[in-house]
């Protein structure tokens, strides 16, 4: 009688397993909301026992906060890629603002809206939200300061300009769950784009034009 060969399973290191759990939690949070980030749901996603998830995350709230950090870090790096620091600041700003204003990262906007609400009740998530807000703010301030040095932006207060832009972008996020057709009048996303252009002394239409040019270069 011929015995069937046993399937070979690759044993994952603790770091690999933990990263896999956080990745799955971030994916569920982005697509379905933090309310579905439970130990049982993650276990089902990965095809493992809930006890394994509990081994790495005895406190479910800590998994939620790490999932938020993972998702927002990844999305921020897609909007402000670390490898593009030498690109013109106006092009980098266009990618950031237009990408958010046009709903290309709607899941991210919903994630922030969800996280800010739940952070009222979850201390670890509140700290994660505060930390990620600080990281994004710092990155945008540095971008604005560089643009001022190169003569692309005009402002005497980089921090204030960055805050105006972020508040406008965050304001758009409050509509992330609104699936109703747009009303007559200007697109709501234009508010964030115009806020950035106004605060930095850019001519109207500059950011969308630069983003279109960047996209054309990427696809050509």
N, C-alpha and C. Protein backbone atom coordinates (compact mmCIF):
# COMPACT_ATOMS: atom_id res chain seq x y z
N UNK A 1 0.86 -1.20 0.00
CA UNK A 1 0.00 0.00 0.00
C UNK A 1 0.88 1.23 0.00
N UNK A 2 0.60 2.12 -0.92
CA UNK A 2 1.43 3.33 -1.04
C UNK A 2 0.86 4.45 -0.17
N UNK A 3 1.69 4.96 0.71
CA UNK A 3 1.23 6.05 1.58
C UNK A 3 1.34 7.37 0.85
N UNK A 4 0.38 8.25 1.12
CA UNK A 4 0.40 9.57 0.49
C UNK A 4 1.42 10.45 1.18
N UNK A 5 2.19 11.21 0.38
CA UNK A 5 3.19 12.08 0.99
C UNK A 5 2.52 13.19 1.79
N UNK A 6 3.09 13.50 2.91
CA UNK A 6 2.54 14.57 3.73
C UNK A 6 2.84 15.92 3.10
N UNK A 7 1.88 16.83 3.21
CA UNK A 7 2.09 18.17 2.68
C UNK A 7 3.15 18.88 3.50
N UNK A 8 3.99 19.56 2.79
CA UNK A 8 5.07 20.29 3.45
C UNK A 8 4.59 21.68 3.85
N UNK A 9 4.60 21.98 5.12
CA UNK A 9 4.20 23.30 5.60
C UNK A 9 5.44 24.08 6.02
N UNK A 10 5.48 25.28 5.58
CA UNK A 10 6.60 26.14 5.94
C UNK A 10 6.30 26.79 7.29
N UNK A 11 7.14 26.53 8.24
CA UNK A 11 6.94 27.10 9.56
C UNK A 11 7.39 28.56 9.55
N UNK A 12 6.50 29.43 9.95
CA UNK A 12 6.80 30.87 9.92
C UNK A 12 7.42 31.30 11.24
N UNK A 13 8.33 32.24 11.12
CA UNK A 13 8.95 32.78 12.33
C UNK A 13 7.92 33.64 13.06
N UNK A 14 8.12 33.90 14.35
CA UNK A 14 7.19 34.76 15.10
C UNK A 14 7.00 36.13 14.44
N UNK A 15 8.08 36.71 13.92
CA UNK A 15 7.96 38.02 13.26
C UNK A 15 7.11 37.91 12.01
N UNK A 16 7.31 36.85 11.23
CA UNK A 16 6.52 36.66 10.01
C UNK A 16 5.05 36.44 10.34
N UNK A 17 4.78 35.65 11.35
CA UNK A 17 3.40 35.37 11.73
C UNK A 17 2.71 36.63 12.25
N UNK A 18 3.42 37.39 13.06
CA UNK A 18 2.84 38.63 13.59
C UNK A 18 2.53 39.61 12.46
N UNK A 19 3.47 39.72 11.51
CA UNK A 19 3.26 40.63 10.37
C UNK A 19 2.08 40.18 9.54
N UNK A 20 1.92 38.87 9.38
CA UNK A 20 0.80 38.32 8.62
C UNK A 20 -0.53 38.66 9.30
N UNK A 21 -0.56 38.57 10.61
CA UNK A 21 -1.78 38.89 11.36
C UNK A 21 -2.14 40.37 11.22
N UNK A 22 -1.14 41.22 11.36
CA UNK A 22 -1.38 42.66 11.26
C UNK A 22 -1.84 43.02 9.84
N UNK A 23 -1.21 42.43 8.84
CA UNK A 23 -1.60 42.67 7.45
C UNK A 23 -3.04 42.28 7.20
N UNK A 24 -3.44 41.12 7.71
CA UNK A 24 -4.83 40.67 7.54
C UNK A 24 -5.79 41.61 8.25
N UNK A 25 -5.43 42.04 9.45
CA UNK A 25 -6.29 42.96 10.20
C UNK A 25 -6.43 44.29 9.48
N UNK A 26 -5.33 44.79 8.91
CA UNK A 26 -5.37 46.06 8.18
C UNK A 26 -6.25 45.93 6.94
N UNK A 27 -6.15 44.79 6.27
CA UNK A 27 -6.94 44.57 5.06
C UNK A 27 -8.44 44.55 5.39
N UNK A 28 -8.80 43.89 6.47
CA UNK A 28 -10.20 43.84 6.89
C UNK A 28 -10.68 45.21 7.33
N UNK A 29 -9.84 45.93 8.07
CA UNK A 29 -10.21 47.27 8.54
C UNK A 29 -10.47 48.21 7.37
N UNK A 30 -9.60 48.17 6.37
CA UNK A 30 -9.77 49.04 5.20
C UNK A 30 -11.03 48.70 4.41
N UNK A 31 -11.31 47.42 4.28
CA UNK A 31 -12.44 47.01 3.46
C UNK A 31 -13.77 46.96 4.16
N UNK A 32 -13.75 46.67 5.48
CA UNK A 32 -15.01 46.44 6.17
C UNK A 32 -15.17 47.19 7.49
N UNK A 33 -14.10 47.80 7.98
CA UNK A 33 -14.21 48.57 9.21
C UNK A 33 -13.60 47.85 10.40
N UNK A 34 -13.21 48.63 11.41
CA UNK A 34 -12.56 48.07 12.59
C UNK A 34 -13.49 47.17 13.40
N UNK A 35 -14.79 47.37 13.25
CA UNK A 35 -15.72 46.56 14.03
C UNK A 35 -15.59 45.07 13.70
N UNK A 36 -15.08 44.74 12.51
CA UNK A 36 -14.92 43.35 12.12
C UNK A 36 -13.50 42.82 12.36
N UNK A 37 -12.66 43.65 12.94
CA UNK A 37 -11.32 43.18 13.29
C UNK A 37 -11.40 42.51 14.66
N UNK A 38 -11.73 41.23 14.64
CA UNK A 38 -11.80 40.42 15.86
C UNK A 38 -10.83 39.25 15.72
N UNK A 39 -10.48 38.64 16.83
CA UNK A 39 -9.55 37.52 16.79
C UNK A 39 -10.12 36.38 15.95
N UNK A 40 -11.41 36.13 16.08
CA UNK A 40 -12.03 35.05 15.31
C UNK A 40 -12.05 35.37 13.82
N UNK A 41 -12.34 36.62 13.49
CA UNK A 41 -12.39 37.00 12.06
C UNK A 41 -11.00 36.90 11.43
N UNK A 42 -9.98 37.32 12.13
CA UNK A 42 -8.62 37.24 11.60
C UNK A 42 -8.21 35.78 11.46
N UNK A 43 -8.58 34.95 12.43
CA UNK A 43 -8.26 33.52 12.37
C UNK A 43 -8.90 32.88 11.14
N UNK A 44 -10.15 33.23 10.86
CA UNK A 44 -10.83 32.70 9.68
C UNK A 44 -10.13 33.16 8.41
N UNK A 45 -9.70 34.39 8.38
CA UNK A 45 -9.02 34.95 7.21
C UNK A 45 -7.72 34.19 6.93
N UNK A 46 -7.01 33.82 7.97
CA UNK A 46 -5.71 33.17 7.81
C UNK A 46 -5.78 31.65 7.87
N UNK A 47 -6.95 31.12 8.20
CA UNK A 47 -7.09 29.67 8.27
C UNK A 47 -6.36 29.06 9.45
N UNK A 48 -6.38 29.76 10.57
CA UNK A 48 -5.72 29.26 11.78
C UNK A 48 -6.71 29.29 12.94
N UNK A 49 -6.27 28.79 14.08
CA UNK A 49 -7.13 28.81 15.27
C UNK A 49 -7.09 30.20 15.92
N UNK A 50 -8.22 30.64 16.50
CA UNK A 50 -8.24 31.94 17.20
C UNK A 50 -7.19 32.02 18.30
N UNK A 51 -6.86 30.85 18.90
CA UNK A 51 -5.86 30.86 19.96
C UNK A 51 -4.50 31.35 19.48
N UNK A 52 -4.18 31.11 18.20
CA UNK A 52 -2.91 31.59 17.67
C UNK A 52 -2.89 33.11 17.61
N UNK A 53 -4.00 33.70 17.19
CA UNK A 53 -4.09 35.16 17.14
C UNK A 53 -3.97 35.72 18.55
N UNK A 54 -4.64 35.08 19.49
CA UNK A 54 -4.61 35.53 20.88
C UNK A 54 -3.20 35.43 21.46
N UNK A 55 -2.43 34.46 21.00
CA UNK A 55 -1.06 34.30 21.47
C UNK A 55 -0.23 35.54 21.15
N UNK A 56 -0.45 36.10 19.95
CA UNK A 56 0.31 37.28 19.54
C UNK A 56 -0.34 38.58 20.00
N UNK A 57 -1.65 38.55 20.14
CA UNK A 57 -2.37 39.76 20.55
C UNK A 57 -3.40 39.40 21.63
N UNK A 58 -2.94 39.26 22.88
CA UNK A 58 -3.86 38.93 23.98
C UNK A 58 -4.94 39.99 24.15
N UNK A 59 -4.61 41.23 23.79
CA UNK A 59 -5.58 42.33 23.87
C UNK A 59 -5.96 42.73 22.45
N UNK A 60 -7.23 42.50 22.08
CA UNK A 60 -7.67 42.76 20.71
C UNK A 60 -7.46 44.21 20.30
N UNK A 61 -7.61 45.14 21.24
CA UNK A 61 -7.45 46.56 20.92
C UNK A 61 -6.05 46.87 20.41
N UNK A 62 -5.06 46.12 20.87
CA UNK A 62 -3.69 46.35 20.40
C UNK A 62 -3.54 45.93 18.94
N UNK A 63 -4.25 44.89 18.54
CA UNK A 63 -4.25 44.48 17.14
C UNK A 63 -4.91 45.55 16.28
N UNK A 64 -6.00 46.13 16.78
CA UNK A 64 -6.69 47.20 16.04
C UNK A 64 -5.76 48.39 15.82
N UNK A 65 -5.04 48.80 16.86
CA UNK A 65 -4.16 49.96 16.73
C UNK A 65 -2.99 49.67 15.79
N UNK A 66 -2.45 48.45 15.84
CA UNK A 66 -1.35 48.10 14.94
C UNK A 66 -1.84 48.01 13.49
N UNK A 67 -3.06 47.51 13.32
CA UNK A 67 -3.63 47.43 11.97
C UNK A 67 -3.81 48.84 11.40
N UNK A 68 -4.28 49.76 12.23
CA UNK A 68 -4.44 51.14 11.79
C UNK A 68 -3.09 51.74 11.40
N UNK A 69 -2.09 51.55 12.22
CA UNK A 69 -0.76 52.08 11.94
C UNK A 69 -0.21 51.51 10.64
N UNK A 70 -0.38 50.21 10.46
CA UNK A 70 0.12 49.56 9.25
C UNK A 70 -0.57 50.12 8.01
N UNK A 71 -1.90 50.21 8.05
CA UNK A 71 -2.66 50.67 6.89
C UNK A 71 -2.35 52.12 6.55
N UNK A 72 -2.31 52.98 7.56
CA UNK A 72 -2.08 54.40 7.29
C UNK A 72 -0.65 54.66 6.84
N UNK A 73 0.29 53.91 7.37
CA UNK A 73 1.69 54.07 6.94
C UNK A 73 1.83 53.68 5.47
N UNK A 74 1.24 52.57 5.10
CA UNK A 74 1.32 52.11 3.72
C UNK A 74 0.64 53.10 2.76
N UNK A 75 -0.51 53.60 3.14
CA UNK A 75 -1.22 54.54 2.29
C UNK A 75 -0.47 55.86 2.18
N UNK A 76 0.09 56.33 3.30
CA UNK A 76 0.85 57.58 3.27
C UNK A 76 2.06 57.45 2.34
N UNK A 77 2.70 56.29 2.38
CA UNK A 77 3.88 56.08 1.54
C UNK A 77 3.50 55.96 0.07
N UNK A 78 2.25 55.62 -0.22
CA UNK A 78 1.81 55.59 -1.61
C UNK A 78 1.48 57.00 -2.10
N UNK A 79 1.10 57.88 -1.17
CA UNK A 79 0.79 59.27 -1.52
C UNK A 79 2.03 60.15 -1.50
N UNK A 80 2.95 59.84 -0.61
CA UNK A 80 4.23 60.58 -0.52
C UNK A 80 5.35 59.54 -0.53
N UNK A 81 5.61 58.92 -1.69
CA UNK A 81 6.60 57.83 -1.75
C UNK A 81 7.96 58.24 -1.22
N UNK A 82 8.54 57.45 -0.33
CA UNK A 82 9.85 57.78 0.26
C UNK A 82 10.95 57.93 -0.79
N UNK A 83 10.82 57.23 -1.91
CA UNK A 83 11.87 57.29 -2.92
C UNK A 83 11.78 58.46 -3.86
N UNK A 84 10.85 59.37 -3.62
CA UNK A 84 10.66 60.50 -4.54
C UNK A 84 10.96 61.84 -3.90
N UNK A 85 11.84 61.84 -2.89
CA UNK A 85 12.16 63.10 -2.20
C UNK A 85 12.79 64.12 -3.13
N UNK A 86 13.44 63.67 -4.20
CA UNK A 86 14.11 64.60 -5.11
C UNK A 86 13.19 65.15 -6.18
N UNK A 87 11.96 64.66 -6.24
CA UNK A 87 11.00 65.20 -7.21
C UNK A 87 10.60 66.61 -6.80
N UNK A 88 10.16 67.45 -7.75
CA UNK A 88 9.71 68.80 -7.40
C UNK A 88 8.61 68.76 -6.33
N UNK A 89 8.72 69.57 -5.29
CA UNK A 89 7.70 69.58 -4.23
C UNK A 89 6.29 69.77 -4.75
N UNK A 90 6.11 70.59 -5.78
CA UNK A 90 4.76 70.83 -6.28
C UNK A 90 4.18 69.55 -6.87
N UNK A 91 5.01 68.70 -7.47
CA UNK A 91 4.52 67.43 -8.01
C UNK A 91 4.15 66.47 -6.90
N UNK A 92 4.94 66.45 -5.85
CA UNK A 92 4.65 65.57 -4.72
C UNK A 92 3.38 66.03 -4.00
N UNK A 93 3.22 67.34 -3.87
CA UNK A 93 2.01 67.85 -3.23
C UNK A 93 0.79 67.54 -4.08
N UNK A 94 0.93 67.64 -5.40
CA UNK A 94 -0.19 67.34 -6.29
C UNK A 94 -0.63 65.89 -6.12
N UNK A 95 0.32 64.99 -6.04
CA UNK A 95 -0.01 63.58 -5.87
C UNK A 95 -0.76 63.36 -4.56
N UNK A 96 -0.32 64.01 -3.51
CA UNK A 96 -0.92 63.86 -2.18
C UNK A 96 -2.33 64.43 -2.15
N UNK A 97 -2.47 65.68 -2.52
CA UNK A 97 -3.76 66.37 -2.38
C UNK A 97 -4.78 65.87 -3.38
N UNK A 98 -4.41 65.77 -4.65
CA UNK A 98 -5.36 65.35 -5.67
C UNK A 98 -5.78 63.90 -5.44
N UNK A 99 -4.84 63.06 -5.03
CA UNK A 99 -5.18 61.67 -4.77
C UNK A 99 -6.24 61.53 -3.70
N UNK A 100 -6.15 62.34 -2.65
CA UNK A 100 -7.14 62.30 -1.58
C UNK A 100 -8.42 63.02 -1.98
N UNK A 101 -8.29 64.12 -2.69
CA UNK A 101 -9.47 64.91 -3.06
C UNK A 101 -10.36 64.19 -4.06
N UNK A 102 -9.76 63.39 -4.93
CA UNK A 102 -10.54 62.73 -5.98
C UNK A 102 -11.06 61.36 -5.57
N UNK A 103 -10.86 60.99 -4.31
CA UNK A 103 -11.41 59.73 -3.83
C UNK A 103 -10.64 58.50 -4.23
N UNK A 104 -9.40 58.67 -4.69
CA UNK A 104 -8.59 57.50 -5.06
C UNK A 104 -8.24 56.65 -3.85
N UNK A 105 -8.33 57.25 -2.66
CA UNK A 105 -8.01 56.53 -1.43
C UNK A 105 -9.21 56.59 -0.49
N UNK A 106 -10.37 56.27 -1.02
CA UNK A 106 -11.61 56.36 -0.24
C UNK A 106 -11.58 55.42 0.96
N UNK A 107 -11.01 54.23 0.79
CA UNK A 107 -10.93 53.30 1.92
C UNK A 107 -10.11 53.89 3.05
N UNK A 108 -9.06 54.64 2.70
CA UNK A 108 -8.24 55.27 3.72
C UNK A 108 -9.03 56.34 4.47
N UNK A 109 -9.81 57.13 3.72
CA UNK A 109 -10.63 58.16 4.36
C UNK A 109 -11.63 57.54 5.32
N UNK A 110 -12.22 56.43 4.90
CA UNK A 110 -13.18 55.73 5.78
C UNK A 110 -12.49 55.17 7.01
N UNK A 111 -11.26 54.69 6.81
CA UNK A 111 -10.51 54.14 7.94
C UNK A 111 -10.24 55.22 8.98
N UNK A 112 -9.82 56.40 8.52
CA UNK A 112 -9.56 57.51 9.45
C UNK A 112 -10.83 57.92 10.17
N UNK A 113 -11.94 57.98 9.44
CA UNK A 113 -13.22 58.36 10.05
C UNK A 113 -13.61 57.34 11.12
N UNK A 114 -13.47 56.07 10.80
CA UNK A 114 -13.77 54.99 11.73
C UNK A 114 -12.85 55.05 12.95
N UNK A 115 -11.55 55.26 12.71
CA UNK A 115 -10.58 55.27 13.80
C UNK A 115 -10.80 56.44 14.74
N UNK A 116 -11.09 57.60 14.20
CA UNK A 116 -11.28 58.77 15.06
C UNK A 116 -12.52 58.59 15.94
N UNK A 117 -13.53 57.94 15.42
CA UNK A 117 -14.72 57.69 16.24
C UNK A 117 -14.39 56.69 17.36
N UNK A 118 -13.80 55.56 17.00
CA UNK A 118 -13.53 54.52 17.99
C UNK A 118 -12.45 54.92 18.98
N UNK A 119 -11.58 55.86 18.59
CA UNK A 119 -10.50 56.25 19.49
C UNK A 119 -11.02 56.94 20.75
N UNK A 120 -12.27 57.35 20.73
CA UNK A 120 -12.88 57.91 21.95
C UNK A 120 -12.94 56.86 23.05
N UNK A 121 -13.02 55.59 22.65
CA UNK A 121 -13.24 54.51 23.61
C UNK A 121 -12.03 53.57 23.73
N UNK A 122 -11.06 53.70 22.84
CA UNK A 122 -9.91 52.79 22.83
C UNK A 122 -8.62 53.61 22.96
N UNK A 123 -8.00 53.51 24.11
CA UNK A 123 -6.82 54.34 24.38
C UNK A 123 -5.67 54.04 23.43
N UNK A 124 -5.41 52.76 23.15
CA UNK A 124 -4.30 52.42 22.27
C UNK A 124 -4.53 52.94 20.85
N UNK A 125 -5.77 52.91 20.39
CA UNK A 125 -6.09 53.44 19.06
C UNK A 125 -5.97 54.95 19.06
N UNK A 126 -6.37 55.59 20.16
CA UNK A 126 -6.25 57.05 20.26
C UNK A 126 -4.79 57.48 20.14
N UNK A 127 -3.89 56.73 20.76
CA UNK A 127 -2.47 57.03 20.67
C UNK A 127 -1.96 56.81 19.25
N UNK A 128 -2.43 55.73 18.60
CA UNK A 128 -2.00 55.45 17.23
C UNK A 128 -2.47 56.54 16.27
N UNK A 129 -3.71 57.01 16.45
CA UNK A 129 -4.23 58.08 15.61
C UNK A 129 -3.40 59.35 15.79
N UNK A 130 -3.11 59.68 17.05
CA UNK A 130 -2.33 60.88 17.33
C UNK A 130 -0.92 60.78 16.72
N UNK A 131 -0.34 59.61 16.81
CA UNK A 131 1.01 59.41 16.26
C UNK A 131 1.02 59.54 14.75
N UNK A 132 0.05 58.91 14.09
CA UNK A 132 0.01 58.98 12.63
C UNK A 132 -0.34 60.38 12.13
N UNK A 133 -1.16 61.09 12.87
CA UNK A 133 -1.43 62.49 12.52
C UNK A 133 -0.13 63.29 12.57
N UNK A 134 0.67 63.05 13.59
CA UNK A 134 1.92 63.78 13.75
C UNK A 134 2.90 63.45 12.63
N UNK A 135 2.99 62.17 12.27
CA UNK A 135 3.92 61.77 11.20
C UNK A 135 3.51 62.40 9.87
N UNK A 136 2.24 62.36 9.55
CA UNK A 136 1.76 62.95 8.30
C UNK A 136 1.97 64.46 8.30
N UNK A 137 1.67 65.11 9.42
CA UNK A 137 1.85 66.55 9.52
C UNK A 137 3.31 66.93 9.33
N UNK A 138 4.21 66.20 9.97
CA UNK A 138 5.64 66.48 9.83
C UNK A 138 6.10 66.32 8.39
N UNK A 139 5.65 65.26 7.73
CA UNK A 139 6.03 65.02 6.34
C UNK A 139 5.54 66.14 5.43
N UNK A 140 4.33 66.63 5.68
CA UNK A 140 3.78 67.69 4.84
C UNK A 140 4.47 69.01 5.11
N UNK A 141 4.77 69.30 6.37
CA UNK A 141 5.51 70.53 6.71
C UNK A 141 6.87 70.53 6.02
N UNK A 142 7.56 69.41 6.07
CA UNK A 142 8.88 69.33 5.42
C UNK A 142 8.76 69.52 3.92
N UNK A 143 7.70 68.99 3.33
CA UNK A 143 7.48 69.17 1.90
C UNK A 143 7.23 70.64 1.56
N UNK A 144 6.40 71.30 2.37
CA UNK A 144 6.12 72.72 2.14
C UNK A 144 7.39 73.55 2.31
N UNK A 145 8.16 73.27 3.34
CA UNK A 145 9.40 74.02 3.58
C UNK A 145 10.36 73.87 2.41
N UNK A 146 10.45 72.68 1.87
CA UNK A 146 11.33 72.47 0.71
C UNK A 146 10.82 73.25 -0.49
N UNK A 147 9.49 73.24 -0.68
CA UNK A 147 8.91 73.99 -1.79
C UNK A 147 9.15 75.48 -1.67
N UNK A 148 9.17 75.98 -0.45
CA UNK A 148 9.47 77.41 -0.23
C UNK A 148 10.93 77.68 -0.60
N UNK A 149 11.82 76.78 -0.21
CA UNK A 149 13.25 76.97 -0.51
C UNK A 149 13.51 76.94 -2.01
N UNK A 150 12.77 76.11 -2.74
CA UNK A 150 12.99 76.02 -4.18
C UNK A 150 12.21 77.07 -4.96
N UNK A 151 11.41 77.87 -4.25
CA UNK A 151 10.66 78.92 -4.91
C UNK A 151 9.35 78.47 -5.53
N UNK A 152 8.94 77.23 -5.26
CA UNK A 152 7.69 76.72 -5.82
C UNK A 152 6.48 77.14 -5.00
N UNK A 153 6.65 77.29 -3.69
CA UNK A 153 5.57 77.68 -2.80
C UNK A 153 5.88 79.04 -2.18
N UNK A 154 4.81 79.73 -1.82
CA UNK A 154 4.97 81.03 -1.16
C UNK A 154 4.13 81.03 0.12
N UNK A 155 4.81 80.95 1.25
CA UNK A 155 4.15 81.04 2.55
C UNK A 155 5.21 81.38 3.59
N UNK A 156 4.80 82.15 4.59
CA UNK A 156 5.75 82.48 5.66
C UNK A 156 5.53 81.61 6.90
N UNK A 157 4.64 80.63 6.77
CA UNK A 157 4.37 79.73 7.90
C UNK A 157 4.03 78.35 7.35
N UNK A 158 5.05 77.50 7.23
CA UNK A 158 4.85 76.18 6.64
C UNK A 158 3.91 75.32 7.47
N UNK A 159 4.02 75.40 8.79
CA UNK A 159 3.17 74.61 9.65
C UNK A 159 1.70 74.99 9.48
N UNK A 160 1.44 76.28 9.47
CA UNK A 160 0.06 76.74 9.34
C UNK A 160 -0.51 76.34 7.98
N UNK A 161 0.30 76.45 6.94
CA UNK A 161 -0.16 76.07 5.60
C UNK A 161 -0.47 74.58 5.56
N UNK A 162 0.40 73.77 6.15
CA UNK A 162 0.18 72.33 6.18
C UNK A 162 -1.09 71.98 6.95
N UNK A 163 -1.31 72.66 8.05
CA UNK A 163 -2.52 72.40 8.85
C UNK A 163 -3.78 72.74 8.07
N UNK A 164 -3.76 73.86 7.35
CA UNK A 164 -4.92 74.23 6.52
C UNK A 164 -5.21 73.14 5.50
N UNK A 165 -4.16 72.61 4.87
CA UNK A 165 -4.34 71.57 3.86
C UNK A 165 -4.90 70.30 4.50
N UNK A 166 -4.35 69.90 5.63
CA UNK A 166 -4.78 68.67 6.29
C UNK A 166 -6.21 68.78 6.81
N UNK A 167 -6.57 69.95 7.33
CA UNK A 167 -7.94 70.13 7.81
C UNK A 167 -8.92 70.04 6.65
N UNK A 168 -8.55 70.61 5.50
CA UNK A 168 -9.41 70.52 4.31
C UNK A 168 -9.55 69.07 3.86
N UNK A 169 -8.44 68.35 3.85
CA UNK A 169 -8.47 66.94 3.45
C UNK A 169 -9.30 66.12 4.44
N UNK A 170 -9.10 66.37 5.73
CA UNK A 170 -9.87 65.65 6.75
C UNK A 170 -11.37 65.96 6.63
N UNK A 171 -11.67 67.20 6.25
CA UNK A 171 -13.06 67.56 6.05
C UNK A 171 -13.72 66.72 4.97
N UNK A 172 -12.96 66.43 3.91
CA UNK A 172 -13.49 65.56 2.85
C UNK A 172 -13.80 64.18 3.40
N UNK A 173 -12.96 63.73 4.33
CA UNK A 173 -13.13 62.40 4.89
C UNK A 173 -14.45 62.22 5.61
N UNK A 174 -15.03 63.30 6.10
CA UNK A 174 -16.30 63.19 6.81
C UNK A 174 -17.45 62.79 5.87
N UNK A 175 -17.20 62.90 4.54
CA UNK A 175 -18.20 62.51 3.55
C UNK A 175 -17.89 61.15 2.94
N UNK A 176 -16.91 60.45 3.49
CA UNK A 176 -16.43 59.20 2.88
C UNK A 176 -17.51 58.13 2.79
N UNK A 177 -18.47 58.15 3.70
CA UNK A 177 -19.52 57.13 3.69
C UNK A 177 -20.77 57.57 2.94
N UNK A 178 -20.72 58.72 2.30
CA UNK A 178 -21.86 59.25 1.56
C UNK A 178 -21.81 58.74 0.12
N UNK A 179 -22.69 57.81 -0.20
CA UNK A 179 -22.70 57.23 -1.54
C UNK A 179 -23.74 57.89 -2.46
N UNK A 180 -24.36 58.98 -2.00
CA UNK A 180 -25.37 59.64 -2.81
C UNK A 180 -24.71 60.36 -3.98
N UNK A 181 -25.43 60.52 -5.09
CA UNK A 181 -24.87 61.22 -6.25
C UNK A 181 -24.50 62.65 -5.88
N UNK A 182 -23.45 63.21 -6.49
CA UNK A 182 -23.05 64.58 -6.18
C UNK A 182 -24.12 65.58 -6.58
N UNK A 183 -24.27 66.62 -5.77
CA UNK A 183 -25.24 67.66 -6.05
C UNK A 183 -24.67 68.63 -7.08
N UNK A 184 -25.58 69.43 -7.67
CA UNK A 184 -25.12 70.45 -8.61
C UNK A 184 -24.21 71.43 -7.89
N UNK A 185 -23.20 71.89 -8.59
CA UNK A 185 -22.27 72.84 -7.99
C UNK A 185 -20.86 72.30 -8.04
N UNK A 186 -19.92 72.99 -7.43
CA UNK A 186 -18.53 72.56 -7.48
C UNK A 186 -18.32 71.22 -6.78
N UNK A 187 -17.37 70.45 -7.28
CA UNK A 187 -17.02 69.18 -6.65
C UNK A 187 -16.43 69.45 -5.27
N UNK A 188 -16.82 68.63 -4.30
CA UNK A 188 -16.34 68.86 -2.94
C UNK A 188 -14.83 68.68 -2.84
N UNK A 189 -14.29 67.80 -3.69
CA UNK A 189 -12.85 67.59 -3.67
C UNK A 189 -12.06 68.82 -4.06
N UNK A 190 -12.70 69.70 -4.83
CA UNK A 190 -12.01 70.92 -5.25
C UNK A 190 -11.66 71.81 -4.06
N UNK A 191 -12.41 71.68 -2.98
CA UNK A 191 -12.17 72.52 -1.80
C UNK A 191 -10.76 72.28 -1.26
N UNK A 192 -10.37 71.02 -1.13
CA UNK A 192 -9.04 70.71 -0.61
C UNK A 192 -7.95 71.15 -1.57
N UNK A 193 -8.17 70.94 -2.85
CA UNK A 193 -7.18 71.34 -3.85
C UNK A 193 -7.01 72.85 -3.85
N UNK A 194 -8.11 73.57 -3.83
CA UNK A 194 -8.05 75.03 -3.83
C UNK A 194 -7.45 75.56 -2.54
N UNK A 195 -7.70 74.89 -1.43
CA UNK A 195 -7.12 75.32 -0.16
C UNK A 195 -5.61 75.23 -0.23
N UNK A 196 -5.09 74.15 -0.79
CA UNK A 196 -3.64 73.98 -0.91
C UNK A 196 -3.05 75.03 -1.83
N UNK A 197 -3.69 75.27 -2.96
CA UNK A 197 -3.18 76.26 -3.91
C UNK A 197 -3.21 77.66 -3.33
N UNK A 198 -4.28 77.99 -2.62
CA UNK A 198 -4.40 79.31 -2.03
C UNK A 198 -3.36 79.54 -0.94
N UNK A 199 -3.17 78.55 -0.07
CA UNK A 199 -2.24 78.71 1.04
C UNK A 199 -0.79 78.79 0.58
N UNK A 200 -0.50 78.21 -0.58
CA UNK A 200 0.89 78.15 -1.03
C UNK A 200 1.18 79.04 -2.24
N UNK A 201 0.23 79.91 -2.57
CA UNK A 201 0.46 80.88 -3.63
C UNK A 201 0.56 80.28 -5.02
N UNK A 202 -0.16 79.19 -5.25
CA UNK A 202 -0.16 78.55 -6.56
C UNK A 202 -1.34 79.03 -7.39
N UNK A 203 -1.14 79.11 -8.68
CA UNK A 203 -2.23 79.52 -9.57
C UNK A 203 -3.30 78.44 -9.57
N UNK A 204 -4.59 78.82 -9.66
CA UNK A 204 -5.67 77.84 -9.69
C UNK A 204 -5.45 76.82 -10.81
N UNK A 205 -5.66 75.57 -10.51
CA UNK A 205 -5.51 74.52 -11.51
C UNK A 205 -4.12 73.91 -11.56
N UNK A 206 -3.18 74.50 -10.82
CA UNK A 206 -1.79 74.02 -10.88
C UNK A 206 -1.66 72.57 -10.44
N UNK A 207 -2.26 72.22 -9.32
CA UNK A 207 -2.06 70.89 -8.76
C UNK A 207 -2.68 69.79 -9.63
N UNK A 208 -3.86 70.04 -10.15
CA UNK A 208 -4.47 69.02 -11.02
C UNK A 208 -3.66 68.88 -12.31
N UNK A 209 -3.18 69.99 -12.83
CA UNK A 209 -2.38 69.93 -14.06
C UNK A 209 -1.09 69.15 -13.83
N UNK A 210 -0.44 69.39 -12.70
CA UNK A 210 0.80 68.68 -12.41
C UNK A 210 0.55 67.19 -12.16
N UNK A 211 -0.58 66.88 -11.53
CA UNK A 211 -0.90 65.48 -11.28
C UNK A 211 -1.20 64.76 -12.58
N UNK A 212 -1.90 65.41 -13.52
CA UNK A 212 -2.16 64.80 -14.82
C UNK A 212 -0.86 64.55 -15.56
N UNK A 213 0.05 65.52 -15.48
CA UNK A 213 1.32 65.36 -16.16
C UNK A 213 2.12 64.21 -15.57
N UNK A 214 2.09 64.08 -14.25
CA UNK A 214 2.80 62.98 -13.59
C UNK A 214 2.21 61.64 -14.00
N UNK A 215 0.88 61.57 -14.03
CA UNK A 215 0.23 60.32 -14.42
C UNK A 215 0.54 59.94 -15.85
N UNK A 216 0.60 60.95 -16.74
CA UNK A 216 0.93 60.69 -18.14
C UNK A 216 2.35 60.17 -18.27
N UNK A 217 3.27 60.73 -17.49
CA UNK A 217 4.66 60.27 -17.53
C UNK A 217 4.78 58.84 -17.04
N UNK A 218 3.94 58.50 -16.04
CA UNK A 218 4.00 57.16 -15.46
C UNK A 218 3.50 56.10 -16.44
N UNK A 219 2.46 56.43 -17.20
CA UNK A 219 1.85 55.45 -18.11
C UNK A 219 2.53 55.42 -19.47
N UNK A 220 3.32 56.42 -19.80
CA UNK A 220 3.95 56.46 -21.12
C UNK A 220 5.17 55.54 -21.20
